[in-house]
PDB file of all heavy atoms in Angstrom:
ATOM      1  N   ASP A   1     107.113  54.566 -79.016  1.00  0.00           N
ATOM      2  CA  ASP A   1     108.439  54.488 -78.413  1.00  0.00           C
ATOM      3  C   ASP A   1     109.421  53.711 -79.405  1.00  0.00           C
ATOM      4  O   ASP A   1     110.632  54.012 -79.515  1.00  0.00           O
ATOM      5  CB  ASP A   1     108.553  53.982 -77.080  1.00  0.00           C
ATOM      6  CG  ASP A   1     107.853  54.940 -76.128  1.00  0.00           C
ATOM      7  OD1 ASP A   1     107.676  56.089 -76.372  1.00  0.00           O
ATOM      8  OD2 ASP A   1     107.499  54.534 -74.878  1.00  0.00           O
ATOM      9  N   LEU A   2     108.896  52.639 -79.956  1.00  0.00           N
ATOM     10  CA  LEU A   2     109.659  51.865 -80.871  1.00  0.00           C
ATOM     11  C   LEU A   2     110.237  52.677 -82.006  1.00  0.00           C
ATOM     12  O   LEU A   2     111.324  52.474 -82.483  1.00  0.00           O
ATOM     13  CB  LEU A   2     108.893  50.576 -81.369  1.00  0.00           C
ATOM     14  CG  LEU A   2     109.551  49.564 -82.219  1.00  0.00           C
ATOM     15  CD1 LEU A   2     110.579  48.900 -81.419  1.00  0.00           C
ATOM     16  CD2 LEU A   2     108.471  48.613 -82.867  1.00  0.00           C
ATOM     17  N   PHE A   3     109.429  53.610 -82.603  1.00  0.00           N
ATOM     18  CA  PHE A   3     109.864  54.577 -83.613  1.00  0.00           C
ATOM     19  C   PHE A   3     110.907  55.424 -83.128  1.00  0.00           C
ATOM     20  O   PHE A   3     111.833  55.682 -83.879  1.00  0.00           O
ATOM     21  CB  PHE A   3     108.697  55.105 -84.276  1.00  0.00           C
ATOM     22  CG  PHE A   3     108.086  54.306 -85.351  1.00  0.00           C
ATOM     23  CD1 PHE A   3     106.882  53.605 -85.044  1.00  0.00           C
ATOM     24  CD2 PHE A   3     108.486  54.375 -86.608  1.00  0.00           C
ATOM     25  CE1 PHE A   3     106.150  52.953 -85.995  1.00  0.00           C
ATOM     26  CE2 PHE A   3     107.919  53.699 -87.541  1.00  0.00           C
ATOM     27  CZ  PHE A   3     106.788  52.790 -87.305  1.00  0.00           C
ATOM     28  N   TYR A   4     110.766  56.042 -81.925  1.00  0.00           N
ATOM     29  CA  TYR A   4     111.601  57.064 -81.488  1.00  0.00           C
ATOM     30  C   TYR A   4     112.994  56.242 -81.089  1.00  0.00           C
ATOM     31  O   TYR A   4     113.964  56.984 -81.106  1.00  0.00           O
ATOM     32  CB  TYR A   4     111.062  57.687 -80.253  1.00  0.00           C
ATOM     33  CG  TYR A   4     110.064  58.829 -80.748  1.00  0.00           C
ATOM     34  CD1 TYR A   4     108.822  58.772 -80.260  1.00  0.00           C
ATOM     35  CD2 TYR A   4     110.448  59.864 -81.531  1.00  0.00           C
ATOM     36  CE1 TYR A   4     107.809  59.690 -80.580  1.00  0.00           C
ATOM     37  CE2 TYR A   4     109.515  60.873 -81.902  1.00  0.00           C
ATOM     38  CZ  TYR A   4     108.146  60.762 -81.431  1.00  0.00           C
ATOM     39  OH  TYR A   4     107.393  61.694 -81.876  1.00  0.00           O
ATOM     40  N   GLN A   5     113.017  55.053 -80.771  1.00  0.00           N
ATOM     41  CA  GLN A   5     114.190  54.251 -80.457  1.00  0.00           C
ATOM     42  C   GLN A   5     114.874  53.975 -81.868  1.00  0.00           C
ATOM     43  O   GLN A   5     116.025  53.503 -81.707  1.00  0.00           O
ATOM     44  CB  GLN A   5     113.816  52.926 -79.660  1.00  0.00           C
ATOM     45  CG  GLN A   5     113.353  53.272 -78.232  1.00  0.00           C
ATOM     46  CD  GLN A   5     112.493  52.161 -77.698  1.00  0.00           C
ATOM     47  OE1 GLN A   5     112.331  51.040 -78.345  1.00  0.00           O
ATOM     48  NE2 GLN A   5     111.955  52.367 -76.463  1.00  0.00           N
ATOM     49  N   ASN A   6     114.034  53.901 -82.927  1.00  0.00           N
ATOM     50  CA  ASN A   6     114.639  53.548 -84.129  1.00  0.00           C
ATOM     51  C   ASN A   6     114.278  54.649 -85.200  1.00  0.00           C
ATOM     52  O   ASN A   6     113.484  54.431 -86.096  1.00  0.00           O
ATOM     53  CB  ASN A   6     114.200  52.216 -84.685  1.00  0.00           C
ATOM     54  CG  ASN A   6     114.480  51.076 -83.887  1.00  0.00           C
ATOM     55  OD1 ASN A   6     115.532  50.385 -83.961  1.00  0.00           O
ATOM     56  ND2 ASN A   6     113.613  50.750 -82.892  1.00  0.00           N
ATOM     57  N   PRO A   7     114.820  55.956 -85.012  1.00  0.00           N
ATOM     58  CA  PRO A   7     114.366  57.053 -85.812  1.00  0.00           C
ATOM     59  C   PRO A   7     114.474  56.846 -87.322  1.00  0.00           C
ATOM     60  O   PRO A   7     113.629  57.363 -88.121  1.00  0.00           O
ATOM     61  CB  PRO A   7     115.375  58.172 -85.381  1.00  0.00           C
ATOM     62  CG  PRO A   7     116.409  57.483 -84.677  1.00  0.00           C
ATOM     63  CD  PRO A   7     115.883  56.195 -84.053  1.00  0.00           C
ATOM     64  N   SER A   8     115.360  56.087 -87.826  1.00  0.00           N
ATOM     65  CA  SER A   8     115.441  55.820 -89.217  1.00  0.00           C
ATOM     66  C   SER A   8     114.074  55.113 -89.767  1.00  0.00           C
ATOM     67  O   SER A   8     113.780  55.385 -90.993  1.00  0.00           O
ATOM     68  CB  SER A   8     116.645  54.996 -89.653  1.00  0.00           C
ATOM     69  OG  SER A   8     116.482  53.653 -89.057  1.00  0.00           O
ATOM     70  N   MET A   9     113.477  54.446 -88.900  1.00  0.00           N
ATOM     71  CA  MET A   9     112.296  53.758 -89.309  1.00  0.00           C
ATOM     72  C   MET A   9     111.005  54.806 -89.465  1.00  0.00           C
ATOM     73  O   MET A   9     109.954  54.293 -90.207  1.00  0.00           O
ATOM     74  CB  MET A   9     111.754  52.726 -88.321  1.00  0.00           C
ATOM     75  CG  MET A   9     112.748  51.569 -88.205  1.00  0.00           C
ATOM     76  SD  MET A   9     112.664  50.605 -89.826  1.00  0.00           S
ATOM     77  CE  MET A   9     114.270  49.745 -89.765  1.00  0.00           C
ATOM     78  N   ILE A  10     111.154  55.997 -88.845  1.00  0.00           N
ATOM     79  CA  ILE A  10     110.100  56.955 -89.097  1.00  0.00           C
ATOM     80  C   ILE A  10     110.004  57.341 -90.538  1.00  0.00           C
ATOM     81  O   ILE A  10     108.950  57.405 -91.129  1.00  0.00           O
ATOM     82  CB  ILE A  10     110.290  58.144 -88.108  1.00  0.00           C
ATOM     83  CG1 ILE A  10     110.215  57.694 -86.665  1.00  0.00           C
ATOM     84  CG2 ILE A  10     109.229  59.303 -88.577  1.00  0.00           C
ATOM     85  CD1 ILE A  10     110.539  58.915 -85.732  1.00  0.00           C
ATOM     86  N   ASN A  11     111.111  57.601 -91.196  1.00  0.00           N
ATOM     87  CA  ASN A  11     111.178  57.930 -92.539  1.00  0.00           C
ATOM     88  C   ASN A  11     110.859  56.855 -93.475  1.00  0.00           C
ATOM     89  O   ASN A  11     110.263  56.970 -94.586  1.00  0.00           O
ATOM     90  CB  ASN A  11     112.570  58.377 -92.989  1.00  0.00           C
ATOM     91  CG  ASN A  11     112.713  59.930 -92.490  1.00  0.00           C
ATOM     92  OD1 ASN A  11     111.771  60.636 -92.198  1.00  0.00           O
ATOM     93  ND2 ASN A  11     113.995  60.332 -92.476  1.00  0.00           N
ATOM     94  N   LEU A  12     111.201  55.614 -93.084  1.00  0.00           N
ATOM     95  CA  LEU A  12     110.881  54.483 -93.900  1.00  0.00           C
ATOM     96  C   LEU A  12     109.451  54.071 -93.870  1.00  0.00           C
ATOM     97  O   LEU A  12     108.829  53.583 -94.772  1.00  0.00           O
ATOM     98  CB  LEU A  12     111.758  53.219 -93.502  1.00  0.00           C
ATOM     99  CG  LEU A  12     111.832  52.100 -94.511  1.00  0.00           C
ATOM    100  CD1 LEU A  12     112.246  52.420 -95.911  1.00  0.00           C
ATOM    101  CD2 LEU A  12     112.780  50.983 -93.983  1.00  0.00           C
ATOM    102  N   ASN A  13     108.815  54.171 -92.689  1.00  0.00           N
ATOM    103  CA  ASN A  13     107.439  53.729 -92.483  1.00  0.00           C
ATOM    104  C   ASN A  13     106.581  54.908 -91.748  1.00  0.00           C
ATOM    105  O   ASN A  13     106.072  54.687 -90.715  1.00  0.00           O
ATOM    106  CB  ASN A  13     107.450  52.524 -91.423  1.00  0.00           C
ATOM    107  CG  ASN A  13     108.145  51.346 -92.023  1.00  0.00           C
ATOM    108  OD1 ASN A  13     107.701  50.527 -92.906  1.00  0.00           O
ATOM    109  ND2 ASN A  13     109.406  51.116 -91.491  1.00  0.00           N
ATOM    110  N   PRO A  14     106.589  56.070 -92.493  1.00  0.00           N
ATOM    111  CA  PRO A  14     105.886  57.243 -91.751  1.00  0.00           C
ATOM    112  C   PRO A  14     104.313  56.888 -91.454  1.00  0.00           C
ATOM    113  O   PRO A  14     103.758  57.391 -90.469  1.00  0.00           O
ATOM    114  CB  PRO A  14     106.015  58.320 -92.893  1.00  0.00           C
ATOM    115  CG  PRO A  14     106.201  57.562 -94.116  1.00  0.00           C
ATOM    116  CD  PRO A  14     106.949  56.337 -93.779  1.00  0.00           C
ATOM    117  N   VAL A  15     103.784  56.092 -92.256  1.00  0.00           N
ATOM    118  CA  VAL A  15     102.244  55.810 -92.120  1.00  0.00           C
ATOM    119  C   VAL A  15     102.161  55.080 -90.685  1.00  0.00           C
ATOM    120  O   VAL A  15     101.228  55.349 -90.032  1.00  0.00           O
ATOM    121  CB  VAL A  15     101.636  54.863 -93.278  1.00  0.00           C
ATOM    122  CG1 VAL A  15     100.232  54.419 -92.942  1.00  0.00           C
ATOM    123  CG2 VAL A  15     101.585  55.919 -94.519  1.00  0.00           C
ATOM    124  N   PHE A  16     102.946  53.977 -90.439  1.00  0.00           N
ATOM    125  CA  PHE A  16     102.853  53.255 -89.215  1.00  0.00           C
ATOM    126  C   PHE A  16     103.129  54.273 -88.059  1.00  0.00           C
ATOM    127  O   PHE A  16     102.537  54.087 -87.021  1.00  0.00           O
ATOM    128  CB  PHE A  16     103.805  52.083 -89.170  1.00  0.00           C
ATOM    129  CG  PHE A  16     103.241  50.972 -89.992  1.00  0.00           C
ATOM    130  CD1 PHE A  16     104.117  49.991 -90.526  1.00  0.00           C
ATOM    131  CD2 PHE A  16     101.884  50.878 -90.339  1.00  0.00           C
ATOM    132  CE1 PHE A  16     103.693  48.885 -91.317  1.00  0.00           C
ATOM    133  CE2 PHE A  16     101.513  49.831 -91.180  1.00  0.00           C
ATOM    134  CZ  PHE A  16     102.415  48.771 -91.594  1.00  0.00           C
ATOM    135  N   PHE A  17     104.136  55.061 -88.249  1.00  0.00           N
ATOM    136  CA  PHE A  17     104.395  56.070 -87.173  1.00  0.00           C
ATOM    137  C   PHE A  17     103.170  56.969 -86.913  1.00  0.00           C
ATOM    138  O   PHE A  17     102.755  57.232 -85.679  1.00  0.00           O
ATOM    139  CB  PHE A  17     105.565  56.989 -87.664  1.00  0.00           C
ATOM    140  CG  PHE A  17     105.911  58.150 -86.659  1.00  0.00           C
ATOM    141  CD1 PHE A  17     106.493  57.812 -85.530  1.00  0.00           C
ATOM    142  CD2 PHE A  17     105.512  59.459 -86.919  1.00  0.00           C
ATOM    143  CE1 PHE A  17     106.777  58.926 -84.533  1.00  0.00           C
ATOM    144  CE2 PHE A  17     105.642  60.466 -86.087  1.00  0.00           C
ATOM    145  CZ  PHE A  17     106.396  60.199 -84.798  1.00  0.00           C
ATOM    146  N   LEU A  18     102.529  57.352 -87.957  1.00  0.00           N
ATOM    147  CA  LEU A  18     101.384  58.283 -87.669  1.00  0.00           C
ATOM    148  C   LEU A  18     100.176  57.608 -87.094  1.00  0.00           C
ATOM    149  O   LEU A  18      99.550  58.146 -86.173  1.00  0.00           O
ATOM    150  CB  LEU A  18     100.840  58.867 -89.033  1.00  0.00           C
ATOM    151  CG  LEU A  18     101.789  59.797 -89.777  1.00  0.00           C
ATOM    152  CD1 LEU A  18     101.433  60.117 -91.257  1.00  0.00           C
ATOM    153  CD2 LEU A  18     102.062  61.096 -89.022  1.00  0.00           C
ATOM    154  N   LYS A  19      99.927  56.317 -87.591  1.00  0.00           N
ATOM    155  CA  LYS A  19      98.883  55.654 -86.982  1.00  0.00           C
ATOM    156  C   LYS A  19      99.122  55.304 -85.476  1.00  0.00           C
ATOM    157  O   LYS A  19      98.236  55.256 -84.687  1.00  0.00           O
ATOM    158  CB  LYS A  19      98.731  54.184 -87.748  1.00  0.00           C
ATOM    159  CG  LYS A  19      97.970  54.482 -89.173  1.00  0.00           C
ATOM    160  CD  LYS A  19      97.825  53.183 -89.830  1.00  0.00           C
ATOM    161  CE  LYS A  19      97.195  53.383 -91.204  1.00  0.00           C
ATOM    162  NZ  LYS A  19      95.662  53.769 -91.092  1.00  0.00           N
ATOM    163  N   GLY A  20     100.385  54.954 -85.145  1.00  0.00           N
ATOM    164  CA  GLY A  20     100.726  54.641 -83.693  1.00  0.00           C
ATOM    165  C   GLY A  20     100.404  55.914 -82.834  1.00  0.00           C
ATOM    166  O   GLY A  20      99.834  55.683 -81.762  1.00  0.00           O
ATOM    167  N   ASN A  21     100.745  57.075 -83.303  1.00  0.00           N
ATOM    168  CA  ASN A  21     100.431  58.273 -82.649  1.00  0.00           C
ATOM    169  C   ASN A  21      98.970  58.477 -82.495  1.00  0.00           C
ATOM    170  O   ASN A  21      98.366  59.015 -81.437  1.00  0.00           O
ATOM    171  CB  ASN A  21     101.040  59.516 -83.295  1.00  0.00           C
ATOM    172  CG  ASN A  21     102.504  59.566 -82.870  1.00  0.00           C
ATOM    173  OD1 ASN A  21     102.820  60.172 -81.791  1.00  0.00           O
ATOM    174  ND2 ASN A  21     103.477  59.057 -83.688  1.00  0.00           N
ATOM    175  N   ASN A  22      98.162  58.189 -83.544  1.00  0.00           N
ATOM    176  CA  ASN A  22      96.726  58.391 -83.532  1.00  0.00           C
ATOM    177  C   ASN A  22      96.018  57.422 -82.404  1.00  0.00           C
ATOM    178  O   ASN A  22      95.286  57.954 -81.696  1.00  0.00           O
ATOM    179  CB  ASN A  22      96.136  57.938 -84.906  1.00  0.00           C
ATOM    180  CG  ASN A  22      94.655  57.910 -84.880  1.00  0.00           C
ATOM    181  OD1 ASN A  22      94.028  58.851 -84.564  1.00  0.00           O
ATOM    182  ND2 ASN A  22      94.046  56.860 -85.332  1.00  0.00           N
ATOM    183  N   TYR A  23      96.526  56.225 -82.308  1.00  0.00           N
ATOM    184  CA  TYR A  23      96.029  55.317 -81.438  1.00  0.00           C
ATOM    185  C   TYR A  23      96.424  55.687 -79.988  1.00  0.00           C
ATOM    186  O   TYR A  23      95.590  55.518 -78.935  1.00  0.00           O
ATOM    187  CB  TYR A  23      96.267  53.819 -81.741  1.00  0.00           C
ATOM    188  CG  TYR A  23      95.818  53.391 -83.052  1.00  0.00           C
ATOM    189  CD1 TYR A  23      96.699  52.746 -83.968  1.00  0.00           C
ATOM    190  CD2 TYR A  23      94.578  53.725 -83.479  1.00  0.00           C
ATOM    191  CE1 TYR A  23      96.245  52.382 -85.248  1.00  0.00           C
ATOM    192  CE2 TYR A  23      94.037  53.441 -84.760  1.00  0.00           C
ATOM    193  CZ  TYR A  23      94.943  52.764 -85.676  1.00  0.00           C
ATOM    194  OH  TYR A  23      94.480  52.420 -86.870  1.00  0.00           O
ATOM    195  N   LEU A  24      97.568  56.204 -79.842  1.00  0.00           N
ATOM    196  CA  LEU A  24      98.086  56.763 -78.593  1.00  0.00           C
ATOM    197  C   LEU A  24      97.167  57.741 -78.036  1.00  0.00           C
ATOM    198  O   LEU A  24      96.729  57.767 -76.859  1.00  0.00           O
ATOM    199  CB  LEU A  24      99.510  57.042 -78.668  1.00  0.00           C
ATOM    200  CG  LEU A  24     100.072  57.707 -77.393  1.00  0.00           C
ATOM    201  CD1 LEU A  24     100.085  56.679 -76.119  1.00  0.00           C
ATOM    202  CD2 LEU A  24     101.567  58.154 -77.623  1.00  0.00           C
ATOM    203  N   LEU A  25      96.962  58.736 -78.845  1.00  0.00           N
ATOM    204  CA  LEU A  25      96.092  59.941 -78.581  1.00  0.00           C
ATOM    205  C   LEU A  25      94.752  59.416 -78.235  1.00  0.00           C
ATOM    206  O   LEU A  25      94.005  59.944 -77.262  1.00  0.00           O
ATOM    207  CB  LEU A  25      96.058  60.934 -79.623  1.00  0.00           C
ATOM    208  CG  LEU A  25      97.407  61.708 -79.794  1.00  0.00           C
ATOM    209  CD1 LEU A  25      97.420  62.460 -81.037  1.00  0.00           C
ATOM    210  CD2 LEU A  25      97.473  62.735 -78.728  1.00  0.00           C
ATOM    211  N   GLU A  26      94.134  58.466 -78.923  1.00  0.00           N
ATOM    212  CA  GLU A  26      92.850  57.916 -78.765  1.00  0.00           C
ATOM    213  C   GLU A  26      92.777  57.280 -77.426  1.00  0.00           C
ATOM    214  O   GLU A  26      91.772  57.486 -76.591  1.00  0.00           O
ATOM    215  CB  GLU A  26      92.448  56.948 -79.913  1.00  0.00           C
ATOM    216  CG  GLU A  26      90.912  56.801 -80.012  1.00  0.00           C
ATOM    217  CD  GLU A  26      90.559  56.070 -81.195  1.00  0.00           C
ATOM    218  OE1 GLU A  26      91.199  56.140 -82.318  1.00  0.00           O
ATOM    219  OE2 GLU A  26      89.606  55.246 -81.228  1.00  0.00           O
ATOM    220  N   ALA A  27      93.713  56.470 -77.084  1.00  0.00           N
ATOM    221  CA  ALA A  27      93.800  55.883 -75.727  1.00  0.00           C
ATOM    222  C   ALA A  27      93.819  56.897 -74.596  1.00  0.00           C
ATOM    223  O   ALA A  27      93.069  56.664 -73.556  1.00  0.00           O
ATOM    224  CB  ALA A  27      95.051  54.875 -75.617  1.00  0.00           C
ATOM    225  N   ILE A  28      94.711  57.798 -74.753  1.00  0.00           N
ATOM    226  CA  ILE A  28      94.687  58.984 -73.635  1.00  0.00           C
ATOM    227  C   ILE A  28      93.413  59.707 -73.600  1.00  0.00           C
ATOM    228  O   ILE A  28      93.052  60.082 -72.487  1.00  0.00           O
ATOM    229  CB  ILE A  28      95.879  59.923 -73.966  1.00  0.00           C
ATOM    230  CG1 ILE A  28      97.192  59.159 -74.037  1.00  0.00           C
ATOM    231  CG2 ILE A  28      95.959  61.049 -72.911  1.00  0.00           C
ATOM    232  CD1 ILE A  28      98.421  60.010 -74.559  1.00  0.00           C
ATOM    233  N   PHE A  29      92.738  59.958 -74.645  1.00  0.00           N
ATOM    234  CA  PHE A  29      91.395  60.462 -74.682  1.00  0.00           C
ATOM    235  C   PHE A  29      90.464  59.798 -73.934  1.00  0.00           C
ATOM    236  O   PHE A  29      89.644  60.355 -73.078  1.00  0.00           O
ATOM    237  CB  PHE A  29      90.870  60.643 -76.165  1.00  0.00           C
ATOM    238  CG  PHE A  29      89.444  60.998 -76.288  1.00  0.00           C
ATOM    239  CD1 PHE A  29      89.030  62.343 -76.063  1.00  0.00           C
ATOM    240  CD2 PHE A  29      88.538  60.082 -76.726  1.00  0.00           C
ATOM    241  CE1 PHE A  29      87.696  62.637 -76.061  1.00  0.00           C
ATOM    242  CE2 PHE A  29      87.198  60.498 -76.867  1.00  0.00           C
ATOM    243  CZ  PHE A  29      86.792  61.653 -76.559  1.00  0.00           C
ATOM    244  N   PHE A  30      90.405  58.371 -74.062  1.00  0.00           N
ATOM    245  CA  PHE A  30      89.459  57.606 -73.339  1.00  0.00           C
ATOM    246  C   PHE A  30      89.843  57.484 -71.836  1.00  0.00           C
ATOM    247  O   PHE A  30      88.894  57.372 -71.002  1.00  0.00           O
ATOM    248  CB  PHE A  30      89.427  56.169 -73.961  1.00  0.00           C
ATOM    249  CG  PHE A  30      88.754  56.062 -75.199  1.00  0.00           C
ATOM    250  CD1 PHE A  30      89.173  55.351 -76.277  1.00  0.00           C
ATOM    251  CD2 PHE A  30      87.481  56.709 -75.420  1.00  0.00           C
ATOM    252  CE1 PHE A  30      88.680  55.314 -77.502  1.00  0.00           C
ATOM    253  CE2 PHE A  30      86.722  56.635 -76.589  1.00  0.00           C
ATOM    254  CZ  PHE A  30      87.370  55.877 -77.715  1.00  0.00           C
ATOM    255  N   ILE A  31      91.024  57.667 -71.563  1.00  0.00           N
ATOM    256  CA  ILE A  31      91.542  57.768 -70.079  1.00  0.00           C
ATOM    257  C   ILE A  31      91.222  59.026 -69.419  1.00  0.00           C
ATOM    258  O   ILE A  31      91.122  59.292 -68.164  1.00  0.00           O
ATOM    259  CB  ILE A  31      92.989  57.398 -70.050  1.00  0.00           C
ATOM    260  CG1 ILE A  31      93.253  55.985 -70.452  1.00  0.00           C
ATOM    261  CG2 ILE A  31      93.514  57.655 -68.531  1.00  0.00           C
ATOM    262  CD1 ILE A  31      94.764  55.659 -70.677  1.00  0.00           C
ATOM    263  N   ARG A  32      91.009  60.189 -70.367  1.00  0.00           N
ATOM    264  CA  ARG A  32      90.599  61.489 -69.827  1.00  0.00           C
ATOM    265  C   ARG A  32      91.701  62.256 -69.179  1.00  0.00           C
ATOM    266  O   ARG A  32      91.450  62.983 -68.214  1.00  0.00           O
ATOM    267  CB  ARG A  32      89.354  61.495 -69.045  1.00  0.00           C
ATOM    268  CG  ARG A  32      88.143  60.986 -69.638  1.00  0.00           C
ATOM    269  CD  ARG A  32      87.645  62.130 -70.671  1.00  0.00           C
ATOM    270  NE  ARG A  32      86.279  61.906 -71.104  1.00  0.00           N
ATOM    271  CZ  ARG A  32      85.973  61.223 -72.270  1.00  0.00           C
ATOM    272  NH1 ARG A  32      86.970  60.767 -72.935  1.00  0.00           N
ATOM    273  NH2 ARG A  32      84.734  61.099 -72.598  1.00  0.00           N
ATOM    274  N   ASN A  33      93.034  62.018 -69.662  1.00  0.00           N
ATOM    275  CA  ASN A  33      94.127  62.812 -69.194  1.00  0.00           C
ATOM    276  C   ASN A  33      94.458  63.885 -70.138  1.00  0.00           C
ATOM    277  O   ASN A  33      95.238  63.702 -70.990  1.00  0.00           O
ATOM    278  CB  ASN A  33      95.224  61.798 -68.815  1.00  0.00           C
ATOM    279  CG  ASN A  33      96.406  62.431 -68.241  1.00  0.00           C
ATOM    280  OD1 ASN A  33      96.663  63.655 -68.222  1.00  0.00           O
ATOM    281  ND2 ASN A  33      97.268  61.614 -67.525  1.00  0.00           N
ATOM    282  N   LYS A  34      94.028  65.146 -69.900  1.00  0.00           N
ATOM    283  CA  LYS A  34      94.134  66.191 -70.929  1.00  0.00           C
ATOM    284  C   LYS A  34      95.488  66.719 -70.971  1.00  0.00           C
ATOM    285  O   LYS A  34      96.060  66.937 -72.010  1.00  0.00           O
ATOM    286  CB  LYS A  34      93.159  67.239 -70.696  1.00  0.00           C
ATOM    287  CG  LYS A  34      93.255  68.394 -71.767  1.00  0.00           C
ATOM    288  CD  LYS A  34      92.002  69.291 -71.874  1.00  0.00           C
ATOM    289  CE  LYS A  34      92.104  70.125 -73.155  1.00  0.00           C
ATOM    290  NZ  LYS A  34      90.883  70.962 -73.299  1.00  0.00           N
ATOM    291  N   PRO A  35      96.248  66.849 -69.756  1.00  0.00           N
ATOM    292  CA  PRO A  35      97.661  67.374 -69.866  1.00  0.00           C
ATOM    293  C   PRO A  35      98.486  66.409 -70.763  1.00  0.00           C
ATOM    294  O   PRO A  35      99.294  66.900 -71.540  1.00  0.00           O
ATOM    295  CB  PRO A  35      98.169  67.508 -68.410  1.00  0.00           C
ATOM    296  CG  PRO A  35      96.874  67.585 -67.621  1.00  0.00           C
ATOM    297  CD  PRO A  35      95.768  66.889 -68.306  1.00  0.00           C
ATOM    298  N   LYS A  36      98.355  65.094 -70.455  1.00  0.00           N
ATOM    299  CA  LYS A  36      99.178  64.075 -71.306  1.00  0.00           C
ATOM    300  C   LYS A  36      98.788  64.215 -72.714  1.00  0.00           C
ATOM    301  O   LYS A  36      99.568  64.013 -73.665  1.00  0.00           O
ATOM    302  CB  LYS A  36      98.889  62.767 -70.679  1.00  0.00           C
ATOM    303  CG  LYS A  36      99.557  61.597 -71.376  1.00  0.00           C
ATOM    304  CD  LYS A  36     101.155  61.734 -71.415  1.00  0.00           C
ATOM    305  CE  LYS A  36     101.750  61.359 -70.129  1.00  0.00           C
ATOM    306  NZ  LYS A  36     103.215  61.356 -70.184  1.00  0.00           N
ATOM    307  N   PHE A  37      97.500  64.346 -72.856  1.00  0.00           N
ATOM    308  CA  PHE A  37      96.897  64.381 -74.352  1.00  0.00           C
ATOM    309  C   PHE A  37      97.479  65.524 -75.006  1.00  0.00           C
ATOM    310  O   PHE A  37      97.941  65.367 -76.202  1.00  0.00           O
ATOM    311  CB  PHE A  37      95.362  64.539 -74.210  1.00  0.00           C
ATOM    312  CG  PHE A  37      94.682  64.433 -75.560  1.00  0.00           C
ATOM    313  CD1 PHE A  37      94.270  63.274 -76.039  1.00  0.00           C
ATOM    314  CD2 PHE A  37      94.399  65.661 -76.299  1.00  0.00           C
ATOM    315  CE1 PHE A  37      93.671  63.256 -77.327  1.00  0.00           C
ATOM    316  CE2 PHE A  37      93.712  65.619 -77.580  1.00  0.00           C
ATOM    317  CZ  PHE A  37      93.396  64.457 -78.017  1.00  0.00           C
ATOM    318  N   ILE A  38      97.496  66.690 -74.506  1.00  0.00           N
ATOM    319  CA  ILE A  38      97.951  67.875 -75.190  1.00  0.00           C
ATOM    320  C   ILE A  38      99.518  67.695 -75.282  1.00  0.00           C
ATOM    321  O   ILE A  38     100.072  68.106 -76.442  1.00  0.00           O
ATOM    322  CB  ILE A  38      97.756  69.165 -74.351  1.00  0.00           C
ATOM    323  CG1 ILE A  38      96.217  69.367 -74.269  1.00  0.00           C
ATOM    324  CG2 ILE A  38      98.398  70.389 -74.948  1.00  0.00           C
ATOM    325  CD1 ILE A  38      95.520  69.625 -75.532  1.00  0.00           C
ATOM    326  N   GLU A  39     100.211  67.138 -74.410  1.00  0.00           N
ATOM    327  CA  GLU A  39     101.668  66.909 -74.534  1.00  0.00           C
ATOM    328  C   GLU A  39     101.918  66.075 -75.735  1.00  0.00           C
ATOM    329  O   GLU A  39     102.863  66.363 -76.557  1.00  0.00           O
ATOM    330  CB  GLU A  39     102.163  66.248 -73.206  1.00  0.00           C
ATOM    331  CG  GLU A  39     103.681  65.825 -73.301  1.00  0.00           C
ATOM    332  CD  GLU A  39     104.082  64.890 -72.163  1.00  0.00           C
ATOM    333  OE1 GLU A  39     103.384  64.999 -71.155  1.00  0.00           O
ATOM    334  OE2 GLU A  39     104.981  64.083 -72.517  1.00  0.00           O
ATOM    335  N   LYS A  40     101.217  64.890 -75.857  1.00  0.00           N
ATOM    336  CA  LYS A  40     101.515  64.029 -76.896  1.00  0.00           C
ATOM    337  C   LYS A  40     101.070  64.455 -78.226  1.00  0.00           C
ATOM    338  O   LYS A  40     101.641  64.229 -79.314  1.00  0.00           O
ATOM    339  CB  LYS A  40     100.756  62.670 -76.720  1.00  0.00           C
ATOM    340  CG  LYS A  40     101.437  61.910 -75.544  1.00  0.00           C
ATOM    341  CD  LYS A  40     102.844  61.590 -75.802  1.00  0.00           C
ATOM    342  CE  LYS A  40     103.556  60.731 -74.646  1.00  0.00           C
ATOM    343  NZ  LYS A  40     104.961  60.498 -74.945  1.00  0.00           N
ATOM    344  N   LEU A  41      99.807  65.369 -78.281  1.00  0.00           N
ATOM    345  CA  LEU A  41      99.438  65.916 -79.513  1.00  0.00           C
ATOM    346  C   LEU A  41     100.375  66.852 -80.085  1.00  0.00           C
ATOM    347  O   LEU A  41     100.741  66.949 -81.203  1.00  0.00           O
ATOM    348  CB  LEU A  41      98.015  66.585 -79.300  1.00  0.00           C
ATOM    349  CG  LEU A  41      97.389  67.335 -80.531  1.00  0.00           C
ATOM    350  CD1 LEU A  41      97.333  66.362 -81.691  1.00  0.00           C
ATOM    351  CD2 LEU A  41      96.083  67.909 -80.162  1.00  0.00           C
ATOM    352  N   THR A  42     101.012  67.683 -79.203  1.00  0.00           N
ATOM    353  CA  THR A  42     102.043  68.676 -79.536  1.00  0.00           C
ATOM    354  C   THR A  42     103.307  68.007 -80.024  1.00  0.00           C
ATOM    355  O   THR A  42     103.768  68.348 -81.051  1.00  0.00           O
ATOM    356  CB  THR A  42     102.379  69.593 -78.246  1.00  0.00           C
ATOM    357  OG1 THR A  42     101.186  70.198 -77.802  1.00  0.00           O
ATOM    358  CG2 THR A  42     103.395  70.668 -78.637  1.00  0.00           C
ATOM    359  N   GLU A  43     103.706  66.944 -79.420  1.00  0.00           N
ATOM    360  CA  GLU A  43     104.919  66.133 -79.833  1.00  0.00           C
ATOM    361  C   GLU A  43     104.636  65.547 -81.182  1.00  0.00           C
ATOM    362  O   GLU A  43     105.491  65.672 -82.054  1.00  0.00           O
ATOM    363  CB  GLU A  43     105.046  64.968 -78.804  1.00  0.00           C
ATOM    364  CG  GLU A  43     106.448  64.298 -78.924  1.00  0.00           C
ATOM    365  CD  GLU A  43     106.518  63.248 -77.867  1.00  0.00           C
ATOM    366  OE1 GLU A  43     106.830  63.693 -76.708  1.00  0.00           O
ATOM    367  OE2 GLU A  43     106.373  61.991 -78.159  1.00  0.00           O
ATOM    368  N   PHE A  44     103.389  65.072 -81.410  1.00  0.00           N
ATOM    369  CA  PHE A  44     103.035  64.401 -82.699  1.00  0.00           C
ATOM    370  C   PHE A  44     103.033  65.611 -83.866  1.00  0.00           C
ATOM    371  O   PHE A  44     103.771  65.336 -84.833  1.00  0.00           O
ATOM    372  CB  PHE A  44     101.621  63.850 -82.585  1.00  0.00           C
ATOM    373  CG  PHE A  44     100.994  63.439 -84.015  1.00  0.00           C
ATOM    374  CD1 PHE A  44     101.482  62.579 -84.839  1.00  0.00           C
ATOM    375  CD2 PHE A  44      99.896  64.230 -84.350  1.00  0.00           C
ATOM    376  CE1 PHE A  44     100.968  62.406 -86.058  1.00  0.00           C
ATOM    377  CE2 PHE A  44      99.359  63.991 -85.688  1.00  0.00           C
ATOM    378  CZ  PHE A  44      99.781  62.995 -86.386  1.00  0.00           C
TER     379      PHE A  44
END
């Protein structure tokens, strides 16, 4: 969310943006919420 609140930082720090999404998806995977998982994977 910090990146989406500061969109210019996505272009300046794309690696951190990608890693944040990776860990978000990993956390949702462990929680076993597939609808939320697919939503965030699609958004990513």
